[in-house]
Protein backbone atom coordinates (compact mmCIF):
# COMPACT_ATOMS: atom_id res chain seq x y z
CA MET A 1 103.46 74.63 133.97
CA LYS A 2 106.43 73.54 131.87
CA ARG A 3 104.17 72.18 129.13
CA ILE A 4 102.20 75.43 129.03
CA GLY A 5 105.41 77.43 128.86
CA LEU A 6 106.65 75.45 125.86
CA LEU A 7 103.36 76.01 124.08
CA VAL A 8 103.39 79.72 124.72
CA VAL A 9 106.88 80.13 123.35
CA ALA A 10 105.99 78.10 120.28
CA VAL A 11 103.18 80.51 119.47
CA ALA A 12 105.37 83.50 120.25
CA MET A 13 108.29 82.55 118.07
CA VAL A 14 106.27 81.62 115.00
CA ALA A 15 104.87 85.11 114.80
CA VAL A 16 107.75 87.07 113.20
CA ALA A 17 108.00 88.97 109.76
CA TRP A 18 109.10 91.83 107.22
CA PRO A 19 107.62 94.28 104.58
CA ALA A 20 105.16 92.43 102.36
CA ALA A 21 106.86 93.55 99.16
CA ALA A 22 110.08 91.81 100.20
CA SER A 23 108.48 88.40 100.71
CA PRO A 24 107.94 85.82 97.95
CA TYR A 25 105.39 84.00 100.14
CA PRO A 26 101.67 84.74 100.55
CA LYS A 27 100.98 86.61 103.80
CA PRO A 28 98.33 85.24 106.16
CA ALA A 29 96.11 87.96 107.58
CA ARG A 30 97.33 89.46 110.86
CA THR A 31 94.85 89.74 113.70
CA LYS A 32 94.49 93.08 115.42
CA PRO A 33 95.77 92.97 119.02
CA GLN A 34 93.41 93.59 121.90
CA GLY A 35 94.50 97.20 122.24
CA PRO A 36 97.42 99.46 123.16
CA ALA A 37 99.97 98.43 125.78
CA ALA A 38 100.51 100.25 129.06
CA VAL A 39 102.36 103.58 128.88
CA LYS A 40 104.96 104.02 131.64
CA PHE A 41 107.17 106.72 130.16
CA ALA A 42 108.20 109.92 131.87
CA LYS A 43 105.46 112.54 131.55
CA ASP A 44 107.42 114.67 129.10
CA PHE A 45 108.40 111.82 126.76
CA PRO A 46 106.69 112.35 123.39
CA ALA A 47 103.70 110.24 122.39
CA LEU A 48 104.55 108.05 119.40
CA LYS A 49 101.91 106.46 117.19
CA ASP A 50 101.94 102.79 116.23
CA SER A 51 102.33 102.90 112.44
CA GLU A 52 100.14 99.82 111.92
CA TRP A 53 97.30 100.25 114.42
CA GLY A 54 97.25 103.98 115.10
CA TRP A 55 97.31 103.87 118.89
CA ARG A 56 100.08 105.20 121.13
CA LEU A 57 103.18 103.06 121.44
CA GLY A 58 103.49 101.76 125.00
CA GLY A 59 106.54 100.95 127.06
CA PHE A 60 108.63 102.36 129.87
CA GLY A 61 111.57 104.66 130.48
CA GLY A 62 112.73 108.16 131.30
CA ILE A 63 112.92 110.55 134.23
CA ARG A 64 112.78 113.96 132.54
CA ARG A 65 114.27 115.50 129.43
CA GLY A 66 117.94 116.23 130.02
CA ALA A 67 118.27 114.16 133.20
CA PRO A 68 121.89 113.08 133.76
CA LEU A 69 123.24 109.87 132.24
CA HIS A 70 125.88 107.56 133.68
CA HIS A 71 125.39 104.90 130.98
CA VAL A 72 124.54 104.93 127.31
CA PRO A 73 120.74 104.39 127.15
CA VAL A 74 119.53 100.82 126.54
CA VAL A 75 116.45 99.95 124.46
CA PHE A 76 114.91 96.55 125.28
CA VAL A 77 113.08 94.92 122.35
CA HIS A 78 110.57 92.18 123.25
CA GLY A 79 109.51 89.12 121.27
CA ASN A 80 106.30 88.09 119.54
CA ASN A 81 102.83 88.40 121.10
CA VAL A 82 104.18 90.09 124.23
CA ASP A 83 104.98 93.67 125.19
CA ALA A 84 107.56 95.72 127.05
CA ALA A 85 106.22 94.45 130.40
CA ASP A 86 108.21 91.27 129.68
CA TRP A 87 111.31 93.26 130.63
CA TYR A 88 110.22 94.49 134.10
CA PRO A 89 112.37 92.00 136.07
CA VAL A 90 115.36 92.87 133.85
CA ARG A 91 114.75 96.59 134.30
CA ASP A 92 114.70 96.03 138.08
CA ASP A 93 117.95 94.03 137.98
CA PHE A 94 119.60 96.83 136.00
CA ARG A 95 118.30 99.39 138.50
CA ALA A 96 119.86 97.36 141.32
CA ALA A 97 123.15 97.43 139.40
CA GLY A 98 123.13 101.24 139.33
CA TRP A 99 121.28 102.10 136.12
CA SER A 100 118.66 104.88 136.19
CA ASP A 101 115.29 105.02 134.45
CA GLN A 102 116.76 107.65 132.12
CA GLU A 103 118.99 104.85 130.81
CA LEU A 104 116.45 102.00 130.63
CA TRP A 105 113.84 101.94 127.86
CA GLY A 106 111.35 99.39 126.60
CA VAL A 107 108.91 99.72 123.69
CA SER A 108 105.69 97.78 123.07
CA TYR A 109 105.73 97.65 119.29
CA GLY A 110 102.78 95.25 118.88
CA GLY A 111 100.19 96.59 121.29
CA PHE A 112 98.97 94.84 124.43
CA GLY A 113 100.74 91.47 124.63
CA GLY A 114 99.94 88.06 126.00
CA ALA A 115 101.70 85.74 128.43
CA ASN A 116 104.05 84.15 125.90
CA GLY A 117 107.00 85.65 127.78
CA THR A 118 106.35 83.65 130.94
CA ALA A 119 109.49 81.99 132.28
CA LEU A 120 109.76 78.72 134.18
CA HIS A 121 111.87 80.03 137.05
CA THR A 122 111.56 83.83 137.23
CA ALA A 123 108.21 85.44 138.03
CA ASN A 124 106.97 88.75 136.61
CA PRO A 125 104.20 89.85 139.00
CA GLU A 126 104.20 93.46 137.81
CA ARG A 127 103.41 92.33 134.27
CA ASP A 128 100.78 89.88 135.49
CA THR A 129 98.99 92.56 137.52
CA GLU A 130 99.24 95.11 134.72
CA HIS A 131 97.77 92.70 132.19
CA ALA A 132 94.96 91.66 134.52
CA ASP A 133 94.11 95.30 135.26
CA ASN A 134 94.00 96.03 131.52
CA GLY A 135 91.55 93.19 130.88
CA ASP A 136 93.80 90.61 129.24
CA ASP A 137 91.58 88.32 127.14
CA HIS A 138 94.32 85.61 127.06
CA SER A 139 94.28 85.48 123.28
CA THR A 140 97.33 85.20 121.05
CA TYR A 141 97.98 87.91 118.46
CA ILE A 142 100.80 87.26 116.03
CA THR A 143 103.02 89.91 114.46
CA GLU A 144 106.17 90.03 112.34
CA ASP A 145 109.49 91.84 111.95
CA ASP A 146 108.94 93.94 108.86
CA VAL A 147 105.79 95.71 109.92
CA ASN A 148 107.43 96.83 113.18
CA VAL A 149 110.73 98.23 111.88
CA SER A 150 109.35 101.75 111.49
CA ASP A 151 108.04 101.80 115.07
CA LEU A 152 111.31 100.58 116.57
CA TYR A 153 113.23 103.11 114.49
CA ALA A 154 110.95 105.95 115.61
CA PHE A 155 111.33 104.88 119.24
CA ILE A 156 115.12 104.68 119.12
CA THR A 157 115.39 108.13 117.58
CA ALA A 158 112.93 109.54 120.15
CA VAL A 159 115.07 108.11 122.98
CA GLN A 160 118.17 109.67 121.42
CA ARG A 161 116.51 113.09 121.27
CA TYR A 162 114.96 112.86 124.71
CA THR A 163 118.13 111.72 126.53
CA GLY A 164 120.51 113.85 124.47
CA SER A 165 122.58 110.73 123.77
CA GLN A 166 123.36 110.01 120.14
CA LYS A 167 124.69 106.62 121.23
CA VAL A 168 122.33 103.80 122.27
CA MET A 169 122.52 100.08 123.09
CA LEU A 170 120.02 97.40 122.06
CA VAL A 171 118.91 94.21 123.83
CA GLY A 172 116.54 91.97 121.89
CA HIS A 173 114.81 88.73 122.82
CA SER A 174 113.35 86.16 120.41
CA LEU A 175 111.64 88.06 117.56
CA GLY A 176 113.11 91.24 118.99
CA VAL A 177 116.59 90.09 117.91
CA THR A 178 115.82 89.87 114.20
CA LEU A 179 113.66 92.99 114.42
CA ALA A 180 116.49 95.01 115.96
CA ARG A 181 119.05 93.63 113.50
CA GLU A 182 116.79 94.49 110.56
CA THR A 183 116.26 98.00 111.91
CA MET A 184 120.03 98.45 112.06
CA ARG A 185 120.42 97.05 108.54
CA LEU A 186 117.91 99.50 107.09
CA HIS A 187 118.94 102.60 109.04
CA ALA A 188 122.58 103.62 108.87
CA ASP A 189 122.02 106.44 111.38
CA VAL A 190 121.00 103.86 114.00
CA ARG A 191 123.65 101.36 112.94
CA ARG A 192 126.59 103.71 113.42
CA ASN A 193 125.35 104.74 116.89
CA VAL A 194 124.68 101.33 118.48
CA VAL A 195 127.49 100.90 121.00
CA ALA A 196 126.54 97.34 122.01
CA PHE A 197 123.96 94.76 120.98
CA VAL A 198 122.75 91.75 122.99
CA GLY A 199 120.70 89.13 121.13
CA ILE A 200 118.90 86.64 123.38
CA ALA A 201 117.50 83.44 121.82
CA GLY A 202 117.03 85.01 118.40
CA ALA A 203 116.15 83.04 115.27
CA ASN A 204 119.19 84.31 113.38
CA HIS A 205 119.49 81.15 111.28
CA GLY A 206 116.04 79.60 111.66
CA THR A 207 113.86 78.12 114.38
CA THR A 208 112.25 74.79 115.16
CA PHE A 209 108.84 76.46 115.06
CA CYS A 210 109.25 77.40 111.39
CA PRO A 211 110.54 74.31 109.59
CA PRO A 212 111.17 74.53 105.83
CA GLY A 213 107.81 74.47 104.12
CA SER A 214 106.07 76.52 106.80
CA GLU A 215 106.58 79.77 104.90
CA GLY A 216 103.30 81.53 104.28
CA ASN A 217 101.47 79.62 107.01
CA VAL A 218 102.27 82.09 109.80
CA VAL A 219 103.19 85.73 109.18
CA SER A 220 106.67 85.36 110.62
CA CYS A 221 107.78 82.05 109.16
CA ASP A 222 108.48 83.54 105.74
CA GLU A 223 111.10 85.64 107.54
CA ILE A 224 112.72 83.35 110.09
CA ALA A 225 112.39 79.84 108.68
CA ALA A 226 115.85 78.46 107.87
CA GLY A 227 116.86 79.25 104.31
CA THR A 228 114.41 82.08 103.61
CA PRO A 229 115.53 84.98 101.40
CA TRP A 230 114.69 87.31 104.30
CA LEU A 231 117.21 85.67 106.64
CA ALA A 232 119.76 85.30 103.84
CA ARG A 233 119.58 89.04 103.15
CA LEU A 234 119.83 89.92 106.82
CA ASN A 235 122.88 87.73 107.40
CA ALA A 236 124.58 88.63 104.13
CA PHE A 237 124.63 92.25 105.25
CA GLY A 238 126.91 91.08 108.08
CA GLU A 239 126.07 89.02 111.13
CA THR A 240 128.14 91.48 113.16
CA TYR A 241 129.96 94.68 112.25
CA GLY A 242 131.58 97.70 113.88
CA PRO A 243 131.48 99.95 115.69
CA THR A 244 128.94 97.84 117.61
CA LYS A 245 130.09 95.26 120.17
CA TRP A 246 128.00 92.08 119.95
CA MET A 247 126.89 89.38 122.40
CA THR A 248 124.43 86.52 122.03
CA VAL A 249 122.78 84.54 124.83
CA TYR A 250 121.28 81.13 124.12
CA ASP A 251 120.87 77.52 125.23
CA GLY A 252 123.24 75.87 122.76
CA THR A 253 122.42 72.25 123.61
CA GLY A 254 119.38 71.84 121.38
CA ALA A 255 117.50 70.52 124.41
CA GLY A 256 116.69 73.45 126.72
CA ASP A 257 114.99 75.97 124.43
CA PRO A 258 112.03 74.61 122.43
CA ALA A 259 112.62 77.24 119.76
CA PHE A 260 115.98 75.66 118.88
CA VAL A 261 115.74 71.90 119.21
CA GLY A 262 118.36 69.43 118.02
CA PRO A 263 121.65 69.84 116.17
CA THR A 264 120.07 71.64 113.23
CA TYR A 265 118.93 74.61 115.33
CA ALA A 266 121.02 74.52 118.52
CA GLN A 267 123.47 77.17 117.28
CA SER A 268 120.95 79.27 115.33
CA PRO A 269 121.03 82.21 117.79
CA ALA A 270 124.82 82.58 117.55
CA LEU A 271 126.28 85.32 115.35
CA LYS A 272 129.68 85.19 113.65
CA GLY A 273 132.00 87.66 115.35
CA ALA A 274 129.91 87.97 118.53
CA ASP A 275 130.71 87.01 122.09
CA ASN A 276 128.44 83.96 121.94
CA ARG A 277 127.41 82.83 125.44
CA GLN A 278 125.77 79.45 125.93
CA PHE A 279 123.68 78.65 129.01
CA PRO A 280 123.00 74.92 128.63
CA TYR A 281 119.49 73.54 129.16
CA THR A 282 117.99 76.98 129.81
CA TYR A 283 114.41 77.66 128.70
CA HIS A 284 113.62 80.33 126.09
CA ASN A 285 112.26 82.98 128.48
CA ASP A 286 114.61 82.19 131.36
CA LEU A 287 117.48 83.10 129.04
CA ARG A 288 116.10 86.64 129.22
CA LEU A 289 115.04 86.75 132.87
CA ASP A 290 117.32 84.52 134.94
CA PRO A 291 119.15 86.93 137.30
CA SER A 292 122.51 85.21 136.85
CA ILE A 293 122.21 85.55 133.06
CA VAL A 294 120.97 89.14 133.31
CA ALA A 295 124.11 89.88 135.33
CA VAL A 296 126.24 88.59 132.44
CA TYR A 297 124.71 90.79 129.77
CA GLU A 298 124.38 93.76 132.14
CA ALA A 299 128.13 93.56 132.78
CA PHE A 300 128.76 93.43 129.00
CA LEU A 301 126.69 96.58 128.45
CA ALA A 302 128.22 98.34 131.46
CA ARG A 303 131.71 97.56 130.15
CA HIS A 304 130.99 99.17 126.80
CA GLY A 305 128.40 101.75 127.80
CA THR A 306 129.49 103.36 131.09
CA LEU A 307 130.07 107.04 130.54
CA PRO A 308 133.17 108.85 131.87
């Protein structure tokens, strides 16, 4: 089980990227995912089209347009080769802490995902059932950052309009961290309205799975390999900045998360100026799903995003 989990995360992390024009490396062809992800939005939430594949963006969230808010809405951004179903246990933990579905949103920006988000210690039976019912073919489909920025931007602005809240909060995991940061970099209207940002196990300064020299071999490595122009540009813009409050969640030992092995990568997910929280010897997906860790970043968001 542990060996399988490490393999899955390896495949998931290597699949991250940005607009082709911005990359000096040749782009391997992307494979088309199996199909659209499940749609679990409120009935009156608008249908958004995936800009790359043309199908409806999947995900979850919402009660009804104009339903009351007690917290600034949160958008959960998944990692590579998975979908918003990865966040179901987190959504349920937030519900138990007093958040409503009008405040909890997830988007499936890459279609129907695989099992790369499986954790070692926290089960996700709702995702497993959903994927089985949708005919999961157990294949791996790799995506990248750049091609998904427009979809995340469209989703964030749709959530703002639907909830009536100009302010939002973002929680990203793995590829979702660099994707969300890039979306903020490119879109000032999002950037100035993000109250709080939580980055979980993000390849902010490189990843073990994309060593130098791997650029161009996998669609995401020319973005998130250490030393790429893509990462340099992202970090030069500012690893953190106001008015957003920032937190990162990561292993920190170089031994628990296979995406960040050894002293070279152990601190890669940390961001200068953030509240950087280390959870030693914790696996890549358990950093997102472990209930005790979820409680930490839920409290951070509640502190900054509870409405009067």
